Amino acid sequence: EVQLVESGGGLVQAGGSLRLSCAASGFSVDDYAIGWFRQAPGKEREGVSCIGSYDRGTYIAESVAGRFTISSDSAKNMMYLQMNSLKPEDTAVYYCAADSRLRPYSPIYYCSSRTPFTYWGQGAQVTVSS
């Protein structure tokens, strides 16, 4: 059974940092596409950063480029989202996601509103105070 369990959310002041973690089970984080999404109150879900299946290319949303970094650790079967220089507009529930099989989609497509991701974490609240 595939499971994604997130941790690391919380309250931080603007300019601070947080690292979100997502523990994966039932598959290897290096085998399939993985990614992070967020949803703020009253807004649509947004793809933050995604890694594709084949060449492991990476997409990062323009709103977080230069501040956020996606990574994975195959030995621990974990995926991470390092968030630096946080802003109040980064406040949202963050979700990790993974695909269930190899598919030739780009990281941009995986992070789009039509994302084919199959598995989702439970969500982690990130609140950035001004």
C-alpha atoms as a PDB file:
ATOM      1  CA  GLU A   1       0.000   0.000   0.000  1.00  0.00           C
ATOM      2  CA  VAL A   2       1.338   3.405  -0.984  1.00  0.00           C
ATOM      3  CA  GLN A   3       1.424   6.041   1.724  1.00  0.00           C
ATOM      4  CA  LEU A   4       2.760   9.581   1.909  1.00  0.00           C
ATOM      5  CA  VAL A   5       3.074  11.110   5.368  1.00  0.00           C
ATOM      6  CA  GLU A   6       4.078  14.731   5.720  1.00  0.00           C
ATOM      7  CA  SER A   7       5.748  16.557   8.571  1.00  0.00           C
ATOM      8  CA  GLY A   8       7.532  19.814   9.242  1.00  0.00           C
ATOM      9  CA  GLY A   9       4.833  22.441   8.840  1.00  0.00           C
ATOM     10  CA  GLY A  10       4.347  25.238  11.345  1.00  0.00           C
ATOM     11  CA  LEU A  11       4.384  28.937  12.063  1.00  0.00           C
ATOM     12  CA  VAL A  12       7.362  31.040  11.008  1.00  0.00           C
ATOM     13  CA  GLN A  13       8.101  34.731  10.662  1.00  0.00           C
ATOM     14  CA  ALA A  14       8.610  36.301   7.273  1.00  0.00           C
ATOM     15  CA  GLY A  15      12.165  35.752   6.086  1.00  0.00           C
ATOM     16  CA  GLY A  16      12.465  32.486   7.978  1.00  0.00           C
ATOM     17  CA  SER A  17      12.888  28.914   6.746  1.00  0.00           C
ATOM     18  CA  LEU A  18      11.085  25.612   7.043  1.00  0.00           C
ATOM     19  CA  ARG A  19      11.687  22.164   5.624  1.00  0.00           C
ATOM     20  CA  LEU A  20       8.750  19.951   4.785  1.00  0.00           C
ATOM     21  CA  SER A  21       9.339  16.210   4.786  1.00  0.00           C
ATOM     22  CA  CYS A  22       7.292  13.466   3.182  1.00  0.00           C
ATOM     23  CA  ALA A  23       7.886   9.848   4.161  1.00  0.00           C
ATOM     24  CA  ALA A  24       7.013   7.456   1.339  1.00  0.00           C
ATOM     25  CA  SER A  25       6.129   3.786   1.622  1.00  0.00           C
ATOM     26  CA  GLY A  26       5.017   1.240  -0.945  1.00  0.00           C
ATOM     27  CA  PHE A  27       7.223   2.638  -3.708  1.00  0.00           C
ATOM     28  CA  SER A  28      10.644   4.249  -4.217  1.00  0.00           C
ATOM     29  CA  VAL A  29      10.795   8.035  -4.481  1.00  0.00           C
ATOM     30  CA  ASP A  30      13.435   7.660  -7.204  1.00  0.00           C
ATOM     31  CA  ASP A  31      11.238   5.439  -9.403  1.00  0.00           C
ATOM     32  CA  TYR A  32       8.302   7.732 -10.160  1.00  0.00           C
ATOM     33  CA  ALA A  33       7.458  11.400 -10.512  1.00  0.00           C
ATOM     34  CA  ILE A  34       7.116  13.323  -7.244  1.00  0.00           C
ATOM     35  CA  GLY A  35       6.090  16.837  -6.355  1.00  0.00           C
ATOM     36  CA  TRP A  36       4.782  19.432  -3.927  1.00  0.00           C
ATOM     37  CA  PHE A  37       1.575  21.439  -4.190  1.00  0.00           C
ATOM     38  CA  ARG A  38      -0.026  24.070  -1.995  1.00  0.00           C
ATOM     39  CA  GLN A  39      -3.479  25.511  -1.480  1.00  0.00           C
ATOM     40  CA  ALA A  40      -4.180  28.785   0.248  1.00  0.00           C
ATOM     41  CA  PRO A  41      -7.652  29.671   1.603  1.00  0.00           C
ATOM     42  CA  GLY A  42      -9.959  30.694  -1.212  1.00  0.00           C
ATOM     43  CA  LYS A  43      -7.404  29.849  -3.898  1.00  0.00           C
ATOM     44  CA  GLU A  44      -6.895  26.973  -6.294  1.00  0.00           C
ATOM     45  CA  ARG A  45      -4.283  24.333  -5.673  1.00  0.00           C
ATOM     46  CA  GLU A  46      -0.914  25.340  -7.100  1.00  0.00           C
ATOM     47  CA  GLY A  47       1.974  23.156  -8.204  1.00  0.00           C
ATOM     48  CA  VAL A  48       5.086  24.349  -6.373  1.00  0.00           C
ATOM     49  CA  SER A  49       7.795  22.001  -7.611  1.00  0.00           C
ATOM     50  CA  CYS A  50       7.830  18.660  -9.422  1.00  0.00           C
ATOM     51  CA  ILE A  51      10.342  16.067 -10.586  1.00  0.00           C
ATOM     52  CA  GLY A  52       9.517  13.973 -13.650  1.00  0.00           C
ATOM     53  CA  SER A  53       9.880  10.208 -14.006  1.00  0.00           C
ATOM     54  CA  TYR A  54      12.415   9.692 -16.773  1.00  0.00           C
ATOM     55  CA  ASP A  55      15.186  12.283 -16.814  1.00  0.00           C
ATOM     56  CA  ARG A  56      14.308  13.540 -13.322  1.00  0.00           C
ATOM     57  CA  GLY A  57      13.960  17.036 -14.704  1.00  0.00           C
ATOM     58  CA  THR A  58      12.683  19.606 -12.233  1.00  0.00           C
ATOM     59  CA  TYR A  59      10.032  22.318 -12.437  1.00  0.00           C
ATOM     60  CA  ILE A  60       9.805  25.108  -9.905  1.00  0.00           C
ATOM     61  CA  ALA A  61       7.001  27.669  -9.853  1.00  0.00           C
ATOM     62  CA  GLU A  62       8.063  31.221 -10.599  1.00  0.00           C
ATOM     63  CA  SER A  63       6.527  32.426  -7.347  1.00  0.00           C
ATOM     64  CA  VAL A  64       9.019  30.368  -5.311  1.00  0.00           C
ATOM     65  CA  ALA A  65      12.014  30.095  -7.654  1.00  0.00           C
ATOM     66  CA  GLY A  66      15.261  30.895  -5.878  1.00  0.00           C
ATOM     67  CA  ARG A  67      13.658  30.334  -2.469  1.00  0.00           C
ATOM     68  CA  PHE A  68      12.286  26.758  -2.491  1.00  0.00           C
ATOM     69  CA  THR A  69      14.129  23.530  -3.372  1.00  0.00           C
ATOM     70  CA  ILE A  70      12.709  20.054  -3.931  1.00  0.00           C
ATOM     71  CA  SER A  71      14.840  17.010  -3.174  1.00  0.00           C
ATOM     72  CA  SER A  72      14.631  13.319  -2.383  1.00  0.00           C
ATOM     73  CA  ASP A  73      16.655  10.769  -0.450  1.00  0.00           C
ATOM     74  CA  SER A  74      16.363   7.253  -1.843  1.00  0.00           C
ATOM     75  CA  ALA A  75      18.136   5.690   1.139  1.00  0.00           C
ATOM     76  CA  LYS A  76      15.499   7.056   3.517  1.00  0.00           C
ATOM     77  CA  ASN A  77      12.729   7.012   0.894  1.00  0.00           C
ATOM     78  CA  MET A  78      11.898  10.597   1.731  1.00  0.00           C
ATOM     79  CA  MET A  79      11.115  13.706  -0.263  1.00  0.00           C
ATOM     80  CA  TYR A  80      11.655  17.256   0.959  1.00  0.00           C
ATOM     81  CA  LEU A  81      10.738  20.841   0.231  1.00  0.00           C
ATOM     82  CA  GLN A  82      13.236  23.325   1.633  1.00  0.00           C
ATOM     83  CA  MET A  83      11.606  26.734   1.937  1.00  0.00           C
ATOM     84  CA  ASN A  84      13.769  29.800   2.547  1.00  0.00           C
ATOM     85  CA  SER A  85      13.018  33.524   2.664  1.00  0.00           C
ATOM     86  CA  LEU A  86       9.390  32.748   3.395  1.00  0.00           C
ATOM     87  CA  LYS A  87       6.749  35.386   2.703  1.00  0.00           C
ATOM     88  CA  PRO A  88       3.215  35.799   4.121  1.00  0.00           C
ATOM     89  CA  GLU A  89       1.857  34.855   0.693  1.00  0.00           C
ATOM     90  CA  ASP A  90       3.473  31.424   1.084  1.00  0.00           C
ATOM     91  CA  THR A  91       0.907  30.642   3.786  1.00  0.00           C
ATOM     92  CA  ALA A  92      -0.997  27.527   2.651  1.00  0.00           C
ATOM     93  CA  VAL A  93      -1.540  23.842   3.213  1.00  0.00           C
ATOM     94  CA  TYR A  94       1.258  21.993   1.455  1.00  0.00           C
ATOM     95  CA  TYR A  95       0.834  18.520  -0.040  1.00  0.00           C
ATOM     96  CA  CYS A  96       3.384  16.041  -1.318  1.00  0.00           C
ATOM     97  CA  ALA A  97       2.390  13.874  -4.269  1.00  0.00           C
ATOM     98  CA  ALA A  98       3.641  10.897  -6.254  1.00  0.00           C
ATOM     99  CA  ASP A  99       2.736   8.999  -9.395  1.00  0.00           C
ATOM    100  CA  SER A 100       1.936   5.301  -9.402  1.00  0.00           C
ATOM    101  CA  ARG A 101       3.816   4.362 -12.559  1.00  0.00           C
ATOM    102  CA  LEU A 102       6.295   5.548 -15.133  1.00  0.00           C
ATOM    103  CA  ARG A 103       4.721   8.029 -17.538  1.00  0.00           C
ATOM    104  CA  PRO A 104       6.469  10.307 -20.068  1.00  0.00           C
ATOM    105  CA  TYR A 105       5.071  13.565 -18.744  1.00  0.00           C
ATOM    106  CA  SER A 106       7.125  16.675 -18.167  1.00  0.00           C
ATOM    107  CA  PRO A 107       7.641  18.133 -14.705  1.00  0.00           C
ATOM    108  CA  ILE A 108       5.618  21.166 -15.833  1.00  0.00           C
ATOM    109  CA  TYR A 109       2.645  18.946 -16.660  1.00  0.00           C
ATOM    110  CA  TYR A 110       2.953  17.129 -13.363  1.00  0.00           C
ATOM    111  CA  CYS A 111       2.751  20.502 -11.593  1.00  0.00           C
ATOM    112  CA  SER A 112      -0.175  21.756 -13.670  1.00  0.00           C
ATOM    113  CA  SER A 113      -3.873  21.852 -12.755  1.00  0.00           C
ATOM    114  CA  ARG A 114      -4.294  18.650 -14.780  1.00  0.00           C
ATOM    115  CA  THR A 115      -1.694  16.840 -12.742  1.00  0.00           C
ATOM    116  CA  PRO A 116      -1.695  13.047 -13.140  1.00  0.00           C
ATOM    117  CA  PHE A 117      -0.341  12.439  -9.646  1.00  0.00           C
ATOM    118  CA  THR A 118      -2.092   9.504  -8.042  1.00  0.00           C
ATOM    119  CA  TYR A 119      -1.009   9.606  -4.430  1.00  0.00           C
ATOM    120  CA  TRP A 120      -1.239  12.543  -2.034  1.00  0.00           C
ATOM    121  CA  GLY A 121      -0.073  13.296   1.474  1.00  0.00           C
ATOM    122  CA  GLN A 122      -2.435  14.473   4.184  1.00  0.00           C
ATOM    123  CA  GLY A 123      -1.262  18.089   4.025  1.00  0.00           C
ATOM    124  CA  ALA A 124       0.894  20.258   6.270  1.00  0.00           C
ATOM    125  CA  GLN A 125      -0.069  23.771   7.330  1.00  0.00           C
ATOM    126  CA  VAL A 126       2.556  26.454   6.774  1.00  0.00           C
ATOM    127  CA  THR A 127       1.792  29.885   8.204  1.00  0.00           C
ATOM    128  CA  VAL A 128       4.104  32.835   7.625  1.00  0.00           C
ATOM    129  CA  SER A 129       3.552  35.873   9.812  1.00  0.00           C
ATOM    130  CA  SER A 130       4.513  39.381   8.728  1.00  0.00           C
END
